[in-house]
PDB file of all heavy atoms in Angstrom:
ATOM      1  N   GLN A   1     -73.449   8.134  73.812  1.00  0.00           N
ATOM      2  CA  GLN A   1     -73.797   9.530  73.605  1.00  0.00           C
ATOM      3  C   GLN A   1     -75.274   9.821  73.884  1.00  0.00           C
ATOM      4  O   GLN A   1     -75.730  10.951  73.765  1.00  0.00           O
ATOM      5  CB  GLN A   1     -73.460   9.961  72.170  1.00  0.00           C
ATOM      6  CG  GLN A   1     -71.971   9.906  71.835  1.00  0.00           C
ATOM      7  CD  GLN A   1     -71.717  10.063  70.346  1.00  0.00           C
ATOM      8  OE1 GLN A   1     -72.547  10.600  69.619  1.00  0.00           O
ATOM      9  NE2 GLN A   1     -70.570   9.574  69.893  1.00  0.00           N
ATOM     10  N   GLY A   2     -76.012   8.755  74.251  1.00  0.00           N
ATOM     11  CA  GLY A   2     -77.425   8.925  74.536  1.00  0.00           C
ATOM     12  C   GLY A   2     -78.273   9.125  73.297  1.00  0.00           C
ATOM     13  O   GLY A   2     -79.402   9.635  73.376  1.00  0.00           O
ATOM     14  N   LYS A   3     -77.767   8.707  72.144  1.00  0.00           N
ATOM     15  CA  LYS A   3     -78.500   8.853  70.896  1.00  0.00           C
ATOM     16  C   LYS A   3     -79.028   7.494  70.453  1.00  0.00           C
ATOM     17  O   LYS A   3     -78.325   6.485  70.573  1.00  0.00           O
ATOM     18  CB  LYS A   3     -77.585   9.399  69.787  1.00  0.00           C
ATOM     19  CG  LYS A   3     -77.056  10.805  70.029  1.00  0.00           C
ATOM     20  CD  LYS A   3     -76.414  11.366  68.766  1.00  0.00           C
ATOM     21  CE  LYS A   3     -75.299  10.475  68.234  1.00  0.00           C
ATOM     22  NZ  LYS A   3     -74.639  11.054  67.037  1.00  0.00           N
ATOM     23  N   PRO A   4     -80.231   7.445  69.915  1.00  0.00           N
ATOM     24  CA  PRO A   4     -80.742   6.167  69.412  1.00  0.00           C
ATOM     25  C   PRO A   4     -80.124   5.841  68.058  1.00  0.00           C
ATOM     26  O   PRO A   4     -79.986   6.698  67.195  1.00  0.00           O
ATOM     27  CB  PRO A   4     -82.237   6.416  69.268  1.00  0.00           C
ATOM     28  CG  PRO A   4     -82.336   7.885  68.992  1.00  0.00           C
ATOM     29  CD  PRO A   4     -81.227   8.530  69.796  1.00  0.00           C
ATOM     30  N   PHE A   5     -79.718   4.586  67.893  1.00  0.00           N
ATOM     31  CA  PHE A   5     -79.287   4.104  66.576  1.00  0.00           C
ATOM     32  C   PHE A   5     -80.521   3.477  65.947  1.00  0.00           C
ATOM     33  O   PHE A   5     -80.987   2.427  66.359  1.00  0.00           O
ATOM     34  CB  PHE A   5     -78.147   3.083  66.699  1.00  0.00           C
ATOM     35  CG  PHE A   5     -77.506   2.741  65.379  1.00  0.00           C
ATOM     36  CD1 PHE A   5     -76.389   3.432  64.947  1.00  0.00           C
ATOM     37  CD2 PHE A   5     -78.037   1.735  64.567  1.00  0.00           C
ATOM     38  CE1 PHE A   5     -75.781   3.127  63.729  1.00  0.00           C
ATOM     39  CE2 PHE A   5     -77.445   1.431  63.348  1.00  0.00           C
ATOM     40  CZ  PHE A   5     -76.314   2.116  62.929  1.00  0.00           C
ATOM     41  N   ARG A   6     -81.076   4.161  64.964  1.00  0.00           N
ATOM     42  CA  ARG A   6     -82.378   3.802  64.410  1.00  0.00           C
ATOM     43  C   ARG A   6     -82.247   2.845  63.228  1.00  0.00           C
ATOM     44  O   ARG A   6     -81.555   3.143  62.260  1.00  0.00           O
ATOM     45  CB  ARG A   6     -83.117   5.067  63.983  1.00  0.00           C
ATOM     46  CG  ARG A   6     -83.344   6.058  65.144  1.00  0.00           C
ATOM     47  CD  ARG A   6     -83.623   7.454  64.636  1.00  0.00           C
ATOM     48  NE  ARG A   6     -82.487   7.985  63.872  1.00  0.00           N
ATOM     49  CZ  ARG A   6     -82.480   9.177  63.275  1.00  0.00           C
ATOM     50  NH1 ARG A   6     -83.530   9.974  63.377  1.00  0.00           N
ATOM     51  NH2 ARG A   6     -81.429   9.576  62.576  1.00  0.00           N
ATOM     52  N   VAL A   7     -82.920   1.708  63.334  1.00  0.00           N
ATOM     53  CA  VAL A   7     -82.934   0.714  62.255  1.00  0.00           C
ATOM     54  C   VAL A   7     -84.372   0.527  61.808  1.00  0.00           C
ATOM     55  O   VAL A   7     -85.298   0.548  62.618  1.00  0.00           O
ATOM     56  CB  VAL A   7     -82.310  -0.634  62.690  1.00  0.00           C
ATOM     57  CG1 VAL A   7     -80.904  -0.407  63.240  1.00  0.00           C
ATOM     58  CG2 VAL A   7     -83.174  -1.344  63.726  1.00  0.00           C
ATOM     59  N   ALA A   8     -84.565   0.312  60.517  1.00  0.00           N
ATOM     60  CA  ALA A   8     -85.935   0.247  59.997  1.00  0.00           C
ATOM     61  C   ALA A   8     -86.133  -0.949  59.081  1.00  0.00           C
ATOM     62  O   ALA A   8     -85.179  -1.505  58.513  1.00  0.00           O
ATOM     63  CB  ALA A   8     -86.250   1.537  59.227  1.00  0.00           C
ATOM     64  N   ALA A   9     -87.370  -1.329  58.960  1.00  0.00           N
ATOM     65  CA  ALA A   9     -87.827  -2.346  58.018  1.00  0.00           C
ATOM     66  C   ALA A   9     -89.335  -2.205  57.947  1.00  0.00           C
ATOM     67  O   ALA A   9     -89.937  -1.401  58.670  1.00  0.00           O
ATOM     68  CB  ALA A   9     -87.425  -3.753  58.465  1.00  0.00           C
ATOM     69  N   SER A  10     -89.959  -2.982  57.078  1.00  0.00           N
ATOM     70  CA  SER A  10     -91.414  -3.049  57.031  1.00  0.00           C
ATOM     71  C   SER A  10     -91.839  -4.217  57.905  1.00  0.00           C
ATOM     72  O   SER A  10     -91.671  -5.386  57.509  1.00  0.00           O
ATOM     73  CB  SER A  10     -91.911  -3.234  55.605  1.00  0.00           C
ATOM     74  OG  SER A  10     -91.540  -2.128  54.799  1.00  0.00           O
ATOM     75  N   ARG A  11     -92.356  -3.931  59.085  1.00  0.00           N
ATOM     76  CA  ARG A  11     -92.699  -4.989  60.030  1.00  0.00           C
ATOM     77  C   ARG A  11     -93.682  -5.960  59.408  1.00  0.00           C
ATOM     78  O   ARG A  11     -94.702  -5.555  58.830  1.00  0.00           O
ATOM     79  CB  ARG A  11     -93.268  -4.399  61.324  1.00  0.00           C
ATOM     80  CG  ARG A  11     -93.515  -5.484  62.369  1.00  0.00           C
ATOM     81  CD  ARG A  11     -93.805  -4.887  63.742  1.00  0.00           C
ATOM     82  NE  ARG A  11     -94.118  -5.953  64.702  1.00  0.00           N
ATOM     83  CZ  ARG A  11     -93.209  -6.654  65.366  1.00  0.00           C
ATOM     84  NH1 ARG A  11     -91.940  -6.388  65.192  1.00  0.00           N
ATOM     85  NH2 ARG A  11     -93.572  -7.597  66.210  1.00  0.00           N
ATOM     86  N   GLY A  12     -93.391  -7.255  59.529  1.00  0.00           N
ATOM     87  CA  GLY A  12     -94.245  -8.276  58.955  1.00  0.00           C
ATOM     88  C   GLY A  12     -93.719  -8.813  57.650  1.00  0.00           C
ATOM     89  O   GLY A  12     -94.218  -9.837  57.146  1.00  0.00           O
ATOM     90  N   ASN A  13     -92.706  -8.165  57.085  1.00  0.00           N
ATOM     91  CA  ASN A  13     -92.107  -8.649  55.844  1.00  0.00           C
ATOM     92  C   ASN A  13     -90.885  -9.525  56.144  1.00  0.00           C
ATOM     93  O   ASN A  13     -90.326  -9.487  57.229  1.00  0.00           O
ATOM     94  CB  ASN A  13     -91.717  -7.481  54.930  1.00  0.00           C
ATOM     95  CG  ASN A  13     -92.909  -6.842  54.268  1.00  0.00           C
ATOM     96  OD1 ASN A  13     -94.027  -7.304  54.429  1.00  0.00           O
ATOM     97  ND2 ASN A  13     -92.682  -5.760  53.556  1.00  0.00           N
ATOM     98  N   ALA A  14     -90.471 -10.296  55.143  1.00  0.00           N
ATOM     99  CA  ALA A  14     -89.328 -11.185  55.316  1.00  0.00           C
ATOM    100  C   ALA A  14     -88.077 -10.418  55.695  1.00  0.00           C
ATOM    101  O   ALA A  14     -87.244 -10.890  56.464  1.00  0.00           O
ATOM    102  CB  ALA A  14     -89.089 -11.984  54.042  1.00  0.00           C
ATOM    103  N   GLN A  15     -87.944  -9.199  55.166  1.00  0.00           N
ATOM    104  CA  GLN A  15     -86.740  -8.412  55.429  1.00  0.00           C
ATOM    105  C   GLN A  15     -86.610  -8.075  56.916  1.00  0.00           C
ATOM    106  O   GLN A  15     -85.498  -7.973  57.439  1.00  0.00           O
ATOM    107  CB  GLN A  15     -86.749  -7.130  54.586  1.00  0.00           C
ATOM    108  CG  GLN A  15     -86.570  -7.357  53.101  1.00  0.00           C
ATOM    109  CD  GLN A  15     -87.719  -8.124  52.477  1.00  0.00           C
ATOM    110  OE1 GLN A  15     -88.883  -7.846  52.737  1.00  0.00           O
ATOM    111  NE2 GLN A  15     -87.405  -9.129  51.672  1.00  0.00           N
ATOM    112  N   ASP A  16     -87.722  -7.919  57.563  1.00  0.00           N
ATOM    113  CA  ASP A  16     -87.702  -7.650  59.006  1.00  0.00           C
ATOM    114  C   ASP A  16     -87.109  -8.823  59.767  1.00  0.00           C
ATOM    115  O   ASP A  16     -86.205  -8.658  60.595  1.00  0.00           O
ATOM    116  CB  ASP A  16     -89.143  -7.367  59.465  1.00  0.00           C
ATOM    117  CG  ASP A  16     -89.228  -6.889  60.918  1.00  0.00           C
ATOM    118  OD1 ASP A  16     -88.170  -6.555  61.489  1.00  0.00           O
ATOM    119  OD2 ASP A  16     -90.340  -6.857  61.456  1.00  0.00           O
ATOM    120  N   ILE A  17     -87.585 -10.029  59.484  1.00  0.00           N
ATOM    121  CA  ILE A  17     -87.058 -11.202  60.215  1.00  0.00           C
ATOM    122  C   ILE A  17     -85.635 -11.506  59.776  1.00  0.00           C
ATOM    123  O   ILE A  17     -84.815 -11.954  60.590  1.00  0.00           O
ATOM    124  CB  ILE A  17     -87.985 -12.421  60.025  1.00  0.00           C
ATOM    125  CG1 ILE A  17     -87.706 -13.479  61.109  1.00  0.00           C
ATOM    126  CG2 ILE A  17     -87.874 -13.029  58.658  1.00  0.00           C
ATOM    127  CD1 ILE A  17     -88.103 -13.057  62.494  1.00  0.00           C
ATOM    128  N   HIS A  18     -85.301 -11.272  58.487  1.00  0.00           N
ATOM    129  CA  HIS A  18     -83.920 -11.461  58.053  1.00  0.00           C
ATOM    130  C   HIS A  18     -82.987 -10.562  58.858  1.00  0.00           C
ATOM    131  O   HIS A  18     -81.930 -10.997  59.336  1.00  0.00           O
ATOM    132  CB  HIS A  18     -83.776 -11.139  56.562  1.00  0.00           C
ATOM    133  CG  HIS A  18     -84.354 -12.185  55.664  1.00  0.00           C
ATOM    134  ND1 HIS A  18     -84.470 -12.000  54.301  1.00  0.00           N
ATOM    135  CD2 HIS A  18     -84.833 -13.431  55.912  1.00  0.00           C
ATOM    136  CE1 HIS A  18     -85.005 -13.079  53.750  1.00  0.00           C
ATOM    137  NE2 HIS A  18     -85.244 -13.953  54.720  1.00  0.00           N
ATOM    138  N   MET A  19     -83.369  -9.306  59.012  1.00  0.00           N
ATOM    139  CA  MET A  19     -82.547  -8.352  59.768  1.00  0.00           C
ATOM    140  C   MET A  19     -82.447  -8.754  61.236  1.00  0.00           C
ATOM    141  O   MET A  19     -81.362  -8.755  61.816  1.00  0.00           O
ATOM    142  CB  MET A  19     -83.123  -6.950  59.658  1.00  0.00           C
ATOM    143  CG  MET A  19     -82.336  -5.873  60.433  1.00  0.00           C
ATOM    144  SD  MET A  19     -83.031  -4.206  60.280  1.00  0.00           S
ATOM    145  CE  MET A  19     -84.523  -4.367  61.257  1.00  0.00           C
ATOM    146  N   ARG A  20     -83.569  -9.084  61.843  1.00  0.00           N
ATOM    147  CA  ARG A  20     -83.582  -9.437  63.263  1.00  0.00           C
ATOM    148  C   ARG A  20     -82.738 -10.689  63.513  1.00  0.00           C
ATOM    149  O   ARG A  20     -81.992 -10.756  64.497  1.00  0.00           O
ATOM    150  CB  ARG A  20     -85.015  -9.660  63.737  1.00  0.00           C
ATOM    151  CG  ARG A  20     -85.835  -8.384  63.799  1.00  0.00           C
ATOM    152  CD  ARG A  20     -87.317  -8.658  64.069  1.00  0.00           C
ATOM    153  NE  ARG A  20     -88.078  -7.440  63.999  1.00  0.00           N
ATOM    154  CZ  ARG A  20     -88.428  -6.692  65.056  1.00  0.00           C
ATOM    155  NH1 ARG A  20     -88.043  -7.063  66.269  1.00  0.00           N
ATOM    156  NH2 ARG A  20     -89.135  -5.592  64.914  1.00  0.00           N
ATOM    157  N   GLY A  21     -82.856 -11.660  62.617  1.00  0.00           N
ATOM    158  CA  GLY A  21     -82.069 -12.881  62.789  1.00  0.00           C
ATOM    159  C   GLY A  21     -80.586 -12.635  62.619  1.00  0.00           C
ATOM    160  O   GLY A  21     -79.763 -13.165  63.378  1.00  0.00           O
ATOM    161  N   ALA A  22     -80.235 -11.796  61.632  1.00  0.00           N
ATOM    162  CA  ALA A  22     -78.828 -11.482  61.392  1.00  0.00           C
ATOM    163  C   ALA A  22     -78.256 -10.699  62.575  1.00  0.00           C
ATOM    164  O   ALA A  22     -77.122 -10.941  63.007  1.00  0.00           O
ATOM    165  CB  ALA A  22     -78.681 -10.682  60.096  1.00  0.00           C
ATOM    166  N   PHE A  23     -79.027  -9.763  63.097  1.00  0.00           N
ATOM    167  CA  PHE A  23     -78.593  -8.994  64.277  1.00  0.00           C
ATOM    168  C   PHE A  23     -78.361  -9.919  65.462  1.00  0.00           C
ATOM    169  O   PHE A  23     -77.363  -9.815  66.167  1.00  0.00           O
ATOM    170  CB  PHE A  23     -79.652  -7.947  64.641  1.00  0.00           C
ATOM    171  CG  PHE A  23     -79.516  -6.652  63.881  1.00  0.00           C
ATOM    172  CD1 PHE A  23     -78.794  -6.562  62.703  1.00  0.00           C
ATOM    173  CD2 PHE A  23     -80.144  -5.503  64.338  1.00  0.00           C
ATOM    174  CE1 PHE A  23     -78.685  -5.383  62.009  1.00  0.00           C
ATOM    175  CE2 PHE A  23     -80.031  -4.303  63.667  1.00  0.00           C
ATOM    176  CZ  PHE A  23     -79.302  -4.241  62.491  1.00  0.00           C
ATOM    177  N   ALA A  24     -79.325 -10.806  65.711  1.00  0.00           N
ATOM    178  CA  ALA A  24     -79.224 -11.711  66.868  1.00  0.00           C
ATOM    179  C   ALA A  24     -77.979 -12.586  66.754  1.00  0.00           C
ATOM    180  O   ALA A  24     -77.281 -12.812  67.750  1.00  0.00           O
ATOM    181  CB  ALA A  24     -80.468 -12.577  66.954  1.00  0.00           C
ATOM    182  N   LYS A  25     -77.686 -13.042  65.541  1.00  0.00           N
ATOM    183  CA  LYS A  25     -76.514 -13.895  65.357  1.00  0.00           C
ATOM    184  C   LYS A  25     -75.222 -13.123  65.638  1.00  0.00           C
ATOM    185  O   LYS A  25     -74.222 -13.699  66.071  1.00  0.00           O
ATOM    186  CB  LYS A  25     -76.494 -14.475  63.948  1.00  0.00           C
ATOM    187  CG  LYS A  25     -75.398 -15.513  63.742  1.00  0.00           C
ATOM    188  CD  LYS A  25     -75.681 -16.427  62.575  1.00  0.00           C
ATOM    189  CE  LYS A  25     -74.649 -17.545  62.508  1.00  0.00           C
ATOM    190  NZ  LYS A  25     -74.910 -18.471  61.396  1.00  0.00           N
ATOM    191  N   GLN A  26     -75.240 -11.821  65.425  1.00  0.00           N
ATOM    192  CA  GLN A  26     -74.070 -10.991  65.650  1.00  0.00           C
ATOM    193  C   GLN A  26     -74.035 -10.411  67.070  1.00  0.00           C
ATOM    194  O   GLN A  26     -73.156  -9.646  67.409  1.00  0.00           O
ATOM    195  CB  GLN A  26     -74.027  -9.849  64.637  1.00  0.00           C
ATOM    196  CG  GLN A  26     -73.844 -10.302  63.198  1.00  0.00           C
ATOM    197  CD  GLN A  26     -72.496 -10.914  62.942  1.00  0.00           C
ATOM    198  OE1 GLN A  26     -71.503 -10.576  63.594  1.00  0.00           O
ATOM    199  NE2 GLN A  26     -72.430 -11.825  61.988  1.00  0.00           N
ATOM    200  N   GLY A  27     -75.028 -10.796  67.893  1.00  0.00           N
ATOM    201  CA  GLY A  27     -75.044 -10.314  69.275  1.00  0.00           C
ATOM    202  C   GLY A  27     -75.621  -8.927  69.439  1.00  0.00           C
ATOM    203  O   GLY A  27     -75.366  -8.266  70.463  1.00  0.00           O
ATOM    204  N   ILE A  28     -76.401  -8.477  68.492  1.00  0.00           N
ATOM    205  CA  ILE A  28     -77.053  -7.170  68.577  1.00  0.00           C
ATOM    206  C   ILE A  28     -78.503  -7.399  69.004  1.00  0.00           C
ATOM    207  O   ILE A  28     -79.244  -8.103  68.323  1.00  0.00           O
ATOM    208  CB  ILE A  28     -77.004  -6.416  67.233  1.00  0.00           C
ATOM    209  CG1 ILE A  28     -75.556  -6.174  66.811  1.00  0.00           C
ATOM    210  CG2 ILE A  28     -77.770  -5.099  67.325  1.00  0.00           C
ATOM    211  CD1 ILE A  28     -75.415  -5.628  65.393  1.00  0.00           C
ATOM    212  N   ASP A  29     -78.901  -6.807  70.131  1.00  0.00           N
ATOM    213  CA  ASP A  29     -80.261  -6.948  70.654  1.00  0.00           C
ATOM    214  C   ASP A  29     -81.114  -5.832  70.071  1.00  0.00           C
ATOM    215  O   ASP A  29     -80.940  -4.661  70.415  1.00  0.00           O
ATOM    216  CB  ASP A  29     -80.260  -6.876  72.182  1.00  0.00           C
ATOM    217  CG  ASP A  29     -81.608  -7.225  72.786  1.00  0.00           C
ATOM    218  OD1 ASP A  29     -82.635  -6.917  72.156  1.00  0.00           O
ATOM    219  OD2 ASP A  29     -81.631  -7.803  73.894  1.00  0.00           O
ATOM    220  N   ILE A  30     -82.039  -6.213  69.193  1.00  0.00           N
ATOM    221  CA  ILE A  30     -82.829  -5.186  68.507  1.00  0.00           C
ATOM    222  C   ILE A  30     -83.773  -4.449  69.452  1.00  0.00           C
ATOM    223  O   ILE A  30     -84.245  -3.346  69.163  1.00  0.00           O
ATOM    224  CB  ILE A  30     -83.621  -5.791  67.328  1.00  0.00           C
ATOM    225  CG1 ILE A  30     -84.009  -4.717  66.318  1.00  0.00           C
ATOM    226  CG2 ILE A  30     -84.846  -6.562  67.829  1.00  0.00           C
ATOM    227  CD1 ILE A  30     -84.437  -5.216  64.976  1.00  0.00           C
ATOM    228  N   ASN A  31     -84.037  -5.035  70.629  1.00  0.00           N
ATOM    229  CA  ASN A  31     -84.923  -4.378  71.591  1.00  0.00           C
ATOM    230  C   ASN A  31     -84.185  -3.464  72.554  1.00  0.00           C
ATOM    231  O   ASN A  31     -84.789  -2.570  73.158  1.00  0.00           O
ATOM    232  CB  ASN A  31     -85.696  -5.442  72.398  1.00  0.00           C
ATOM    233  CG  ASN A  31     -86.606  -6.270  71.519  1.00  0.00           C
ATOM    234  OD1 ASN A  31     -87.388  -5.743  70.749  1.00  0.00           O
ATOM    235  ND2 ASN A  31     -86.500  -7.581  71.617  1.00  0.00           N
ATOM    236  N   LYS A  32     -82.878  -3.674  72.723  1.00  0.00           N
ATOM    237  CA  LYS A  32     -82.116  -2.901  73.701  1.00  0.00           C
ATOM    238  C   LYS A  32     -81.004  -2.044  73.071  1.00  0.00           C
ATOM    239  O   LYS A  32     -80.710  -0.950  73.560  1.00  0.00           O
ATOM    240  CB  LYS A  32     -81.490  -3.841  74.729  1.00  0.00           C
ATOM    241  CG  LYS A  32     -82.502  -4.614  75.570  1.00  0.00           C
ATOM    242  CD  LYS A  32     -81.807  -5.556  76.541  1.00  0.00           C
ATOM    243  CE  LYS A  32     -82.802  -6.327  77.380  1.00  0.00           C
ATOM    244  NZ  LYS A  32     -82.135  -7.288  78.305  1.00  0.00           N
ATOM    245  N   ASP A  33     -80.385  -2.545  72.019  1.00  0.00           N
ATOM    246  CA  ASP A  33     -79.218  -1.855  71.457  1.00  0.00           C
ATOM    247  C   ASP A  33     -79.578  -0.812  70.415  1.00  0.00           C
ATOM    248  O   ASP A  33     -78.804   0.127  70.177  1.00  0.00           O
ATOM    249  CB  ASP A  33     -78.265  -2.872  70.835  1.00  0.00           C
ATOM    250  CG  ASP A  33     -77.700  -3.848  71.863  1.00  0.00           C
ATOM    251  OD1 ASP A  33     -77.590  -3.441  73.048  1.00  0.00           O
ATOM    252  OD2 ASP A  33     -77.380  -4.991  71.495  1.00  0.00           O
ATOM    253  N   VAL A  34     -80.734  -0.987  69.771  1.00  0.00           N
ATOM    254  CA  VAL A  34     -81.119  -0.083  68.689  1.00  0.00           C
ATOM    255  C   VAL A  34     -82.592   0.303  68.858  1.00  0.00           C
ATOM    256  O   VAL A  34     -83.310  -0.293  69.661  1.00  0.00           O
ATOM    257  CB  VAL A  34     -80.924  -0.744  67.291  1.00  0.00           C
ATOM    258  CG1 VAL A  34     -79.444  -1.072  67.070  1.00  0.00           C
ATOM    259  CG2 VAL A  34     -81.767  -2.006  67.153  1.00  0.00           C
ATOM    260  N   GLN A  35     -83.003   1.281  68.087  1.00  0.00           N
ATOM    261  CA  GLN A  35     -84.413   1.701  68.081  1.00  0.00           C
ATOM    262  C   GLN A  35     -85.037   1.285  66.759  1.00  0.00           C
ATOM    263  O   GLN A  35     -84.614   1.729  65.702  1.00  0.00           O
ATOM    264  CB  GLN A  35     -84.537   3.209  68.255  1.00  0.00           C
ATOM    265  CG  GLN A  35     -85.975   3.726  68.240  1.00  0.00           C
ATOM    266  CD  GLN A  35     -86.061   5.240  68.370  1.00  0.00           C
ATOM    267  OE1 GLN A  35     -85.235   5.860  69.025  1.00  0.00           O
ATOM    268  NE2 GLN A  35     -87.042   5.836  67.733  1.00  0.00           N
ATOM    269  N   PHE A  36     -86.047   0.423  66.825  1.00  0.00           N
ATOM    270  CA  PHE A  36     -86.680  -0.065  65.603  1.00  0.00           C
ATOM    271  C   PHE A  36     -87.736   0.917  65.126  1.00  0.00           C
ATOM    272  O   PHE A  36     -88.563   1.386  65.894  1.00  0.00           O
ATOM    273  CB  PHE A  36     -87.322  -1.435  65.825  1.00  0.00           C
ATOM    274  CG  PHE A  36     -88.037  -1.955  64.597  1.00  0.00           C
ATOM    275  CD1 PHE A  36     -87.320  -2.483  63.540  1.00  0.00           C
ATOM    276  CD2 PHE A  36     -89.422  -1.906  64.510  1.00  0.00           C
ATOM    277  CE1 PHE A  36     -87.960  -2.949  62.402  1.00  0.00           C
ATOM    278  CE2 PHE A  36     -90.079  -2.376  63.371  1.00  0.00           C
ATOM    279  CZ  PHE A  36     -89.342  -2.895  62.317  1.00  0.00           C
ATOM    280  N   ILE A  37     -87.705   1.211  63.824  1.00  0.00           N
ATOM    281  CA  ILE A  37     -88.674   2.086  63.180  1.00  0.00           C
ATOM    282  C   ILE A  37     -89.426   1.262  62.139  1.00  0.00           C
ATOM    283  O   ILE A  37     -88.813   0.677  61.245  1.00  0.00           O
ATOM    284  CB  ILE A  37     -87.992   3.295  62.481  1.00  0.00           C
ATOM    285  CG1 ILE A  37     -87.064   4.048  63.434  1.00  0.00           C
ATOM    286  CG2 ILE A  37     -89.039   4.206  61.857  1.00  0.00           C
ATOM    287  CD1 ILE A  37     -87.779   4.787  64.531  1.00  0.00           C
ATOM    288  N   ASN A  38     -90.741   1.227  62.239  1.00  0.00           N
ATOM    289  CA  ASN A  38     -91.539   0.508  61.241  1.00  0.00           C
ATOM    290  C   ASN A  38     -91.950   1.458  60.121  1.00  0.00           C
ATOM    291  O   ASN A  38     -92.586   2.480  60.355  1.00  0.00           O
ATOM    292  CB  ASN A  38     -92.797  -0.072  61.919  1.00  0.00           C
ATOM    293  CG  ASN A  38     -93.680  -0.821  60.916  1.00  0.00           C
ATOM    294  OD1 ASN A  38     -93.178  -1.422  59.975  1.00  0.00           O
ATOM    295  ND2 ASN A  38     -94.985  -0.787  61.130  1.00  0.00           N
ATOM    296  N   ILE A  39     -91.569   1.108  58.897  1.00  0.00           N
ATOM    297  CA  ILE A  39     -91.988   1.865  57.711  1.00  0.00           C
ATOM    298  C   ILE A  39     -92.767   0.901  56.831  1.00  0.00           C
ATOM    299  O   ILE A  39     -92.183   0.125  56.073  1.00  0.00           O
ATOM    300  CB  ILE A  39     -90.780   2.451  56.954  1.00  0.00           C
ATOM    301  CG1 ILE A  39     -89.920   3.297  57.909  1.00  0.00           C
ATOM    302  CG2 ILE A  39     -91.241   3.287  55.765  1.00  0.00           C
ATOM    303  CD1 ILE A  39     -88.653   3.836  57.284  1.00  0.00           C
ATOM    304  N   PRO A  40     -94.099   0.863  56.956  1.00  0.00           N
ATOM    305  CA  PRO A  40     -94.915  -0.176  56.365  1.00  0.00           C
ATOM    306  C   PRO A  40     -94.727  -0.369  54.857  1.00  0.00           C
ATOM    307  O   PRO A  40     -94.646  -1.497  54.374  1.00  0.00           O
ATOM    308  CB  PRO A  40     -96.352   0.240  56.699  1.00  0.00           C
ATOM    309  CG  PRO A  40     -96.211   1.054  57.948  1.00  0.00           C
ATOM    310  CD  PRO A  40     -94.911   1.796  57.784  1.00  0.00           C
ATOM    311  N   ASN A  41     -94.687   0.716  54.108  1.00  0.00           N
ATOM    312  CA  ASN A  41     -94.582   0.607  52.649  1.00  0.00           C
ATOM    313  C   ASN A  41     -93.123   0.721  52.215  1.00  0.00           C
ATOM    314  O   ASN A  41     -92.486   1.757  52.420  1.00  0.00           O
ATOM    315  CB  ASN A  41     -95.404   1.712  51.987  1.00  0.00           C
ATOM    316  CG  ASN A  41     -95.604   1.457  50.489  1.00  0.00           C
ATOM    317  OD1 ASN A  41     -94.790   0.809  49.844  1.00  0.00           O
ATOM    318  ND2 ASN A  41     -96.699   1.972  49.961  1.00  0.00           N
ATOM    319  N   PRO A  42     -92.562  -0.344  51.617  1.00  0.00           N
ATOM    320  CA  PRO A  42     -91.146  -0.313  51.206  1.00  0.00           C
ATOM    321  C   PRO A  42     -90.792   0.828  50.265  1.00  0.00           C
ATOM    322  O   PRO A  42     -89.654   1.270  50.218  1.00  0.00           O
ATOM    323  CB  PRO A  42     -90.952  -1.677  50.523  1.00  0.00           C
ATOM    324  CG  PRO A  42     -92.014  -2.551  51.100  1.00  0.00           C
ATOM    325  CD  PRO A  42     -93.184  -1.648  51.318  1.00  0.00           C
TER     326      PRO A  42
END
């Protein structure tokens, strides 16, 4: 539909790498399939 599927985390925190790793294991490319939004303060 040409819409971004926006996913967020606080870049640099453990939750960011947990999400990226889980996505990669499921075959989701965080750089191509979704739009990452950085929200620094949880």
